């Protein structure tokens, strides 16, 4: 059985969503981020990213990770591409060309969007969104995202999904990268095709189920 390491309030959410889309059984091992704990190496600390037990799984001390039989794999977006490819179905590429586009858009999201969306979510996580420094950081992140969002907006002009005529791993991966920036409503309202596409992605039953579980975890 697939084992997913990581809490839902982390990038592991992407993998839990993918597992739900694929309808595959999995075992969840909650591993909390060490930065959320006062003393992550304390004897009574919950399993976290610095726990020796987890570092044997991922020496980088990052979540999520998976075990799938003898395979151990890290990096959330790559994990999703692997799971889609392994379990087939319409979430994966149906041709070599489609497979290439799934990879391209995933790397695009990682390179062009995630550095900025992560800055935004960290500002909110730290409660600094109303400080001068926080506002300035968010403003820079939003300005940096305008060009890639314009590219995605144009791409979605005559289509509902990023690759092919259906929801794929590319949509899931890009949507999850953008979710970290959704607090900035004006940015998305300025890109209506992207905004509508994101709402389609986030109305899917597997996404809603992931979010329902995520909401039960402590902040």
C-alpha atoms as a PDB file:
ATOM      1  CA  UNK A   1       0.000   0.000   0.000  1.00  0.00           C
ATOM      2  CA  UNK A   2       1.077   3.559  -0.691  1.00  0.00           C
ATOM      3  CA  UNK A   3       2.305   5.401   2.411  1.00  0.00           C
ATOM      4  CA  UNK A   4       2.152   9.206   2.454  1.00  0.00           C
ATOM      5  CA  UNK A   5       4.282  11.027   5.021  1.00  0.00           C
ATOM      6  CA  UNK A   6       3.105  14.504   5.977  1.00  0.00           C
ATOM      7  CA  UNK A   7       0.206  16.427   7.478  1.00  0.00           C
ATOM      8  CA  UNK A   8      -2.545  17.829   5.311  1.00  0.00           C
ATOM      9  CA  UNK A   9      -1.530  21.395   6.280  1.00  0.00           C
ATOM     10  CA  UNK A  10       1.578  21.154   4.131  1.00  0.00           C
ATOM     11  CA  UNK A  11       2.556  20.417   0.545  1.00  0.00           C
ATOM     12  CA  UNK A  12       1.479  16.853   1.311  1.00  0.00           C
ATOM     13  CA  UNK A  13      -2.053  18.119   0.615  1.00  0.00           C
ATOM     14  CA  UNK A  14      -1.184  17.875  -3.078  1.00  0.00           C
ATOM     15  CA  UNK A  15      -0.402  14.184  -2.777  1.00  0.00           C
ATOM     16  CA  UNK A  16      -3.498  13.446  -0.694  1.00  0.00           C
ATOM     17  CA  UNK A  17      -5.595  15.189  -3.348  1.00  0.00           C
ATOM     18  CA  UNK A  18      -3.941  13.148  -6.107  1.00  0.00           C
ATOM     19  CA  UNK A  19      -4.491   9.883  -4.238  1.00  0.00           C
ATOM     20  CA  UNK A  20      -8.145  10.833  -3.910  1.00  0.00           C
ATOM     21  CA  UNK A  21      -8.442  11.607  -7.620  1.00  0.00           C
ATOM     22  CA  UNK A  22      -6.906   8.257  -8.473  1.00  0.00           C
ATOM     23  CA  UNK A  23      -9.046   6.387  -5.948  1.00  0.00           C
ATOM     24  CA  UNK A  24      -6.060   4.464  -4.585  1.00  0.00           C
ATOM     25  CA  UNK A  25      -5.822   3.296  -0.967  1.00  0.00           C
ATOM     26  CA  UNK A  26      -3.064   4.795   1.152  1.00  0.00           C
ATOM     27  CA  UNK A  27      -1.724   4.928   4.679  1.00  0.00           C
ATOM     28  CA  UNK A  28      -1.210   8.411   6.110  1.00  0.00           C
ATOM     29  CA  UNK A  29       1.697   8.997   8.490  1.00  0.00           C
ATOM     30  CA  UNK A  30       1.279  12.501   9.979  1.00  0.00           C
ATOM     31  CA  UNK A  31       4.669  14.228  10.063  1.00  0.00           C
ATOM     32  CA  UNK A  32       4.493  17.833  11.283  1.00  0.00           C
ATOM     33  CA  UNK A  33       6.890  20.587  10.212  1.00  0.00           C
ATOM     34  CA  UNK A  34       9.677  20.990  12.798  1.00  0.00           C
ATOM     35  CA  UNK A  35       9.385  24.786  12.570  1.00  0.00           C
ATOM     36  CA  UNK A  36       5.972  24.543  14.215  1.00  0.00           C
ATOM     37  CA  UNK A  37       7.416  23.041  17.387  1.00  0.00           C
ATOM     38  CA  UNK A  38       9.343  24.741  20.186  1.00  0.00           C
ATOM     39  CA  UNK A  39      11.649  21.743  20.575  1.00  0.00           C
ATOM     40  CA  UNK A  40      11.239  19.246  17.725  1.00  0.00           C
ATOM     41  CA  UNK A  41      13.916  16.937  19.161  1.00  0.00           C
ATOM     42  CA  UNK A  42      12.357  16.702  22.631  1.00  0.00           C
ATOM     43  CA  UNK A  43      11.672  13.108  23.739  1.00  0.00           C
ATOM     44  CA  UNK A  44       7.925  13.756  23.787  1.00  0.00           C
ATOM     45  CA  UNK A  45       7.790  15.742  20.548  1.00  0.00           C
ATOM     46  CA  UNK A  46       5.329  14.468  17.927  1.00  0.00           C
ATOM     47  CA  UNK A  47       6.736  12.904  14.775  1.00  0.00           C
ATOM     48  CA  UNK A  48       8.166  15.802  12.806  1.00  0.00           C
ATOM     49  CA  UNK A  49      10.529  16.581   9.947  1.00  0.00           C
ATOM     50  CA  UNK A  50      13.593  16.466  12.220  1.00  0.00           C
ATOM     51  CA  UNK A  51      12.638  13.254  14.019  1.00  0.00           C
ATOM     52  CA  UNK A  52      15.308  10.582  13.450  1.00  0.00           C
ATOM     53  CA  UNK A  53      12.545   8.171  12.440  1.00  0.00           C
ATOM     54  CA  UNK A  54      11.501  10.428   9.582  1.00  0.00           C
ATOM     55  CA  UNK A  55      14.988  11.552   8.547  1.00  0.00           C
ATOM     56  CA  UNK A  56      15.701   7.919   7.692  1.00  0.00           C
ATOM     57  CA  UNK A  57      12.894   8.247   5.131  1.00  0.00           C
ATOM     58  CA  UNK A  58      13.866  11.684   3.797  1.00  0.00           C
ATOM     59  CA  UNK A  59      17.357  12.871   4.777  1.00  0.00           C
ATOM     60  CA  UNK A  60      16.368  16.393   3.684  1.00  0.00           C
ATOM     61  CA  UNK A  61      13.797  16.512   6.481  1.00  0.00           C
ATOM     62  CA  UNK A  62      11.008  17.761   4.226  1.00  0.00           C
ATOM     63  CA  UNK A  63       7.424  16.670   3.631  1.00  0.00           C
ATOM     64  CA  UNK A  64       5.832  15.034   1.802  1.00  0.00           C
ATOM     65  CA  UNK A  65       7.538  11.768   1.075  1.00  0.00           C
ATOM     66  CA  UNK A  66       6.033   8.478  -0.041  1.00  0.00           C
ATOM     67  CA  UNK A  67       6.810   4.798   0.130  1.00  0.00           C
ATOM     68  CA  UNK A  68       5.274   2.721  -2.626  1.00  0.00           C
ATOM     69  CA  UNK A  69       6.440  -0.834  -2.232  1.00  0.00           C
ATOM     70  CA  UNK A  70      10.243  -0.583  -2.283  1.00  0.00           C
ATOM     71  CA  UNK A  71      10.166   2.876  -3.839  1.00  0.00           C
ATOM     72  CA  UNK A  72      10.851   5.908  -1.644  1.00  0.00           C
ATOM     73  CA  UNK A  73      10.211   9.254  -3.290  1.00  0.00           C
ATOM     74  CA  UNK A  74      10.209  12.927  -2.308  1.00  0.00           C
ATOM     75  CA  UNK A  75       9.093  16.269  -3.837  1.00  0.00           C
ATOM     76  CA  UNK A  76       5.325  16.710  -3.982  1.00  0.00           C
ATOM     77  CA  UNK A  77       4.948  17.691  -7.635  1.00  0.00           C
ATOM     78  CA  UNK A  78       7.169  14.862  -8.862  1.00  0.00           C
ATOM     79  CA  UNK A  79       5.290  12.409  -6.645  1.00  0.00           C
ATOM     80  CA  UNK A  80       2.033  13.455  -8.303  1.00  0.00           C
ATOM     81  CA  UNK A  81       3.418  12.951 -11.794  1.00  0.00           C
ATOM     82  CA  UNK A  82       4.662   9.506 -10.754  1.00  0.00           C
ATOM     83  CA  UNK A  83       1.336   8.467  -9.228  1.00  0.00           C
ATOM     84  CA  UNK A  84      -0.607   9.650 -12.268  1.00  0.00           C
ATOM     85  CA  UNK A  85       1.775   7.822 -14.593  1.00  0.00           C
ATOM     86  CA  UNK A  86       1.699   4.590 -12.568  1.00  0.00           C
ATOM     87  CA  UNK A  87      -2.039   4.366 -12.118  1.00  0.00           C
ATOM     88  CA  UNK A  88      -2.902   5.463 -15.625  1.00  0.00           C
ATOM     89  CA  UNK A  89      -6.261   6.882 -16.431  1.00  0.00           C
ATOM     90  CA  UNK A  90      -7.021  10.268 -17.871  1.00  0.00           C
ATOM     91  CA  UNK A  91      -5.052  12.183 -15.234  1.00  0.00           C
ATOM     92  CA  UNK A  92      -1.829  11.056 -16.921  1.00  0.00           C
ATOM     93  CA  UNK A  93      -0.466  11.853 -20.353  1.00  0.00           C
ATOM     94  CA  UNK A  94      -2.053   9.741 -23.068  1.00  0.00           C
ATOM     95  CA  UNK A  95       0.755  10.421 -25.540  1.00  0.00           C
ATOM     96  CA  UNK A  96       4.451  11.224 -25.290  1.00  0.00           C
ATOM     97  CA  UNK A  97       3.595  14.798 -26.173  1.00  0.00           C
ATOM     98  CA  UNK A  98       0.983  15.096 -23.431  1.00  0.00           C
ATOM     99  CA  UNK A  99       3.364  13.550 -20.938  1.00  0.00           C
ATOM    100  CA  UNK A 100       5.915  16.182 -21.873  1.00  0.00           C
ATOM    101  CA  UNK A 101       3.400  18.972 -21.398  1.00  0.00           C
ATOM    102  CA  UNK A 102       2.414  17.654 -17.946  1.00  0.00           C
ATOM    103  CA  UNK A 103       6.063  17.859 -16.957  1.00  0.00           C
ATOM    104  CA  UNK A 104       6.543  21.255 -18.584  1.00  0.00           C
ATOM    105  CA  UNK A 105       3.624  22.932 -16.838  1.00  0.00           C
ATOM    106  CA  UNK A 106       4.564  21.376 -13.498  1.00  0.00           C
ATOM    107  CA  UNK A 107       8.133  22.692 -13.727  1.00  0.00           C
ATOM    108  CA  UNK A 108       6.772  26.029 -14.928  1.00  0.00           C
ATOM    109  CA  UNK A 109       4.598  26.324 -11.827  1.00  0.00           C
ATOM    110  CA  UNK A 110       7.507  25.388  -9.579  1.00  0.00           C
ATOM    111  CA  UNK A 111       9.886  27.874 -11.204  1.00  0.00           C
ATOM    112  CA  UNK A 112       7.624  30.804 -12.092  1.00  0.00           C
ATOM    113  CA  UNK A 113       4.908  30.783  -9.427  1.00  0.00           C
ATOM    114  CA  UNK A 114       5.792  28.890  -6.269  1.00  0.00           C
ATOM    115  CA  UNK A 115       8.682  31.147  -5.143  1.00  0.00           C
ATOM    116  CA  UNK A 116       6.113  33.977  -4.952  1.00  0.00           C
ATOM    117  CA  UNK A 117       3.064  32.105  -3.642  1.00  0.00           C
ATOM    118  CA  UNK A 118       5.148  30.622  -0.823  1.00  0.00           C
ATOM    119  CA  UNK A 119       6.249  34.108   0.256  1.00  0.00           C
ATOM    120  CA  UNK A 120       2.614  35.149   0.432  1.00  0.00           C
ATOM    121  CA  UNK A 121       1.466  32.184   2.503  1.00  0.00           C
ATOM    122  CA  UNK A 122       4.372  32.540   4.936  1.00  0.00           C
ATOM    123  CA  UNK A 123       3.471  36.188   5.532  1.00  0.00           C
ATOM    124  CA  UNK A 124      -0.055  35.126   6.495  1.00  0.00           C
ATOM    125  CA  UNK A 125       1.162  32.151   8.530  1.00  0.00           C
ATOM    126  CA  UNK A 126       3.337  34.507  10.581  1.00  0.00           C
ATOM    127  CA  UNK A 127       0.522  37.039  10.983  1.00  0.00           C
ATOM    128  CA  UNK A 128       2.470  39.808   9.229  1.00  0.00           C
ATOM    129  CA  UNK A 129       0.038  40.565   6.409  1.00  0.00           C
ATOM    130  CA  UNK A 130      -0.917  43.947   7.904  1.00  0.00           C
ATOM    131  CA  UNK A 131       2.626  45.113   8.656  1.00  0.00           C
ATOM    132  CA  UNK A 132       4.545  47.403   6.309  1.00  0.00           C
ATOM    133  CA  UNK A 133       7.086  44.670   5.623  1.00  0.00           C
ATOM    134  CA  UNK A 134       4.389  42.085   5.035  1.00  0.00           C
ATOM    135  CA  UNK A 135       2.439  44.328   2.665  1.00  0.00           C
ATOM    136  CA  UNK A 136       5.596  45.135   0.715  1.00  0.00           C
ATOM    137  CA  UNK A 137       6.498  41.445   0.394  1.00  0.00           C
ATOM    138  CA  UNK A 138       3.008  40.567  -0.820  1.00  0.00           C
ATOM    139  CA  UNK A 139       3.054  43.445  -3.307  1.00  0.00           C
ATOM    140  CA  UNK A 140       6.360  42.314  -4.805  1.00  0.00           C
ATOM    141  CA  UNK A 141       5.122  38.707  -5.001  1.00  0.00           C
ATOM    142  CA  UNK A 142       1.920  39.745  -6.776  1.00  0.00           C
ATOM    143  CA  UNK A 143       3.779  41.906  -9.279  1.00  0.00           C
ATOM    144  CA  UNK A 144       6.168  39.039  -9.958  1.00  0.00           C
ATOM    145  CA  UNK A 145       3.250  36.722 -10.702  1.00  0.00           C
ATOM    146  CA  UNK A 146       1.553  38.970 -13.250  1.00  0.00           C
ATOM    147  CA  UNK A 147       3.588  37.817 -16.228  1.00  0.00           C
ATOM    148  CA  UNK A 148       3.242  34.050 -15.643  1.00  0.00           C
ATOM    149  CA  UNK A 149      -0.454  34.464 -14.857  1.00  0.00           C
ATOM    150  CA  UNK A 150      -0.877  36.390 -18.109  1.00  0.00           C
ATOM    151  CA  UNK A 151       0.720  33.449 -19.918  1.00  0.00           C
ATOM    152  CA  UNK A 152      -1.671  30.987 -18.264  1.00  0.00           C
ATOM    153  CA  UNK A 153      -4.613  33.325 -18.937  1.00  0.00           C
ATOM    154  CA  UNK A 154      -3.807  33.340 -22.658  1.00  0.00           C
ATOM    155  CA  UNK A 155      -3.301  29.571 -22.683  1.00  0.00           C
ATOM    156  CA  UNK A 156      -6.781  29.076 -21.205  1.00  0.00           C
ATOM    157  CA  UNK A 157      -8.483  31.413 -23.689  1.00  0.00           C
ATOM    158  CA  UNK A 158     -10.103  28.590 -25.659  1.00  0.00           C
ATOM    159  CA  UNK A 159      -9.831  25.651 -23.275  1.00  0.00           C
ATOM    160  CA  UNK A 160     -11.044  24.571 -19.843  1.00  0.00           C
ATOM    161  CA  UNK A 161      -7.949  22.607 -18.819  1.00  0.00           C
ATOM    162  CA  UNK A 162      -4.193  23.019 -19.181  1.00  0.00           C
ATOM    163  CA  UNK A 163      -3.377  19.857 -21.149  1.00  0.00           C
ATOM    164  CA  UNK A 164      -5.820  18.163 -23.495  1.00  0.00           C
ATOM    165  CA  UNK A 165      -9.555  18.404 -22.973  1.00  0.00           C
ATOM    166  CA  UNK A 166      -9.675  17.066 -19.400  1.00  0.00           C
ATOM    167  CA  UNK A 167      -8.443  17.564 -15.863  1.00  0.00           C
ATOM    168  CA  UNK A 168      -4.920  16.146 -15.510  1.00  0.00           C
ATOM    169  CA  UNK A 169      -2.006  16.074 -13.097  1.00  0.00           C
ATOM    170  CA  UNK A 170      -0.884  19.358 -14.649  1.00  0.00           C
ATOM    171  CA  UNK A 171      -4.067  21.081 -13.483  1.00  0.00           C
ATOM    172  CA  UNK A 172      -3.745  19.620  -9.995  1.00  0.00           C
ATOM    173  CA  UNK A 173      -0.092  20.593  -9.617  1.00  0.00           C
ATOM    174  CA  UNK A 174      -0.490  24.139 -10.930  1.00  0.00           C
ATOM    175  CA  UNK A 175      -3.679  24.685  -8.921  1.00  0.00           C
ATOM    176  CA  UNK A 176      -1.959  23.611  -5.710  1.00  0.00           C
ATOM    177  CA  UNK A 177       0.952  25.973  -6.321  1.00  0.00           C
ATOM    178  CA  UNK A 178      -1.482  28.844  -6.908  1.00  0.00           C
ATOM    179  CA  UNK A 179      -3.596  28.016  -3.849  1.00  0.00           C
ATOM    180  CA  UNK A 180      -0.925  29.571  -1.637  1.00  0.00           C
ATOM    181  CA  UNK A 181      -1.564  32.927  -3.268  1.00  0.00           C
ATOM    182  CA  UNK A 182      -5.353  32.916  -3.321  1.00  0.00           C
ATOM    183  CA  UNK A 183      -5.585  35.391  -0.463  1.00  0.00           C
ATOM    184  CA  UNK A 184      -4.776  38.054  -3.066  1.00  0.00           C
ATOM    185  CA  UNK A 185      -8.198  38.119  -4.697  1.00  0.00           C
ATOM    186  CA  UNK A 186      -7.545  41.142  -6.901  1.00  0.00           C
ATOM    187  CA  UNK A 187      -4.676  39.320  -8.604  1.00  0.00           C
ATOM    188  CA  UNK A 188      -6.943  36.454  -9.615  1.00  0.00           C
ATOM    189  CA  UNK A 189      -9.896  38.653 -10.529  1.00  0.00           C
ATOM    190  CA  UNK A 190      -7.573  40.397 -12.999  1.00  0.00           C
ATOM    191  CA  UNK A 191      -7.131  37.010 -14.715  1.00  0.00           C
ATOM    192  CA  UNK A 192     -10.708  35.724 -15.139  1.00  0.00           C
ATOM    193  CA  UNK A 193      -9.836  32.630 -17.184  1.00  0.00           C
ATOM    194  CA  UNK A 194      -7.335  31.532 -14.544  1.00  0.00           C
ATOM    195  CA  UNK A 195      -9.809  32.338 -11.797  1.00  0.00           C
ATOM    196  CA  UNK A 196     -12.572  30.274 -13.425  1.00  0.00           C
ATOM    197  CA  UNK A 197     -10.198  27.385 -14.110  1.00  0.00           C
ATOM    198  CA  UNK A 198      -9.015  27.394 -10.483  1.00  0.00           C
ATOM    199  CA  UNK A 199     -12.605  27.261  -9.252  1.00  0.00           C
ATOM    200  CA  UNK A 200     -13.237  24.259 -11.528  1.00  0.00           C
ATOM    201  CA  UNK A 201     -10.226  22.482 -10.076  1.00  0.00           C
ATOM    202  CA  UNK A 202     -11.237  23.248  -6.510  1.00  0.00           C
ATOM    203  CA  UNK A 203     -14.822  22.104  -6.985  1.00  0.00           C
ATOM    204  CA  UNK A 204     -13.752  18.522  -7.630  1.00  0.00           C
ATOM    205  CA  UNK A 205     -14.896  15.970  -5.008  1.00  0.00           C
ATOM    206  CA  UNK A 206     -11.358  14.761  -4.289  1.00  0.00           C
ATOM    207  CA  UNK A 207     -10.189  18.318  -3.598  1.00  0.00           C
ATOM    208  CA  UNK A 208     -13.150  19.004  -1.314  1.00  0.00           C
ATOM    209  CA  UNK A 209     -12.508  15.758   0.558  1.00  0.00           C
ATOM    210  CA  UNK A 210      -8.836  16.686   1.028  1.00  0.00           C
ATOM    211  CA  UNK A 211      -9.795  20.116   2.332  1.00  0.00           C
ATOM    212  CA  UNK A 212     -12.352  18.622   4.722  1.00  0.00           C
ATOM    213  CA  UNK A 213      -9.645  16.480   6.308  1.00  0.00           C
ATOM    214  CA  UNK A 214      -7.189  19.374   6.284  1.00  0.00           C
ATOM    215  CA  UNK A 215      -9.646  21.599   8.173  1.00  0.00           C
ATOM    216  CA  UNK A 216      -9.691  19.128  11.068  1.00  0.00           C
ATOM    217  CA  UNK A 217      -5.939  19.474  11.661  1.00  0.00           C
ATOM    218  CA  UNK A 218      -4.656  22.040  14.142  1.00  0.00           C
ATOM    219  CA  UNK A 219      -3.403  25.265  12.598  1.00  0.00           C
END
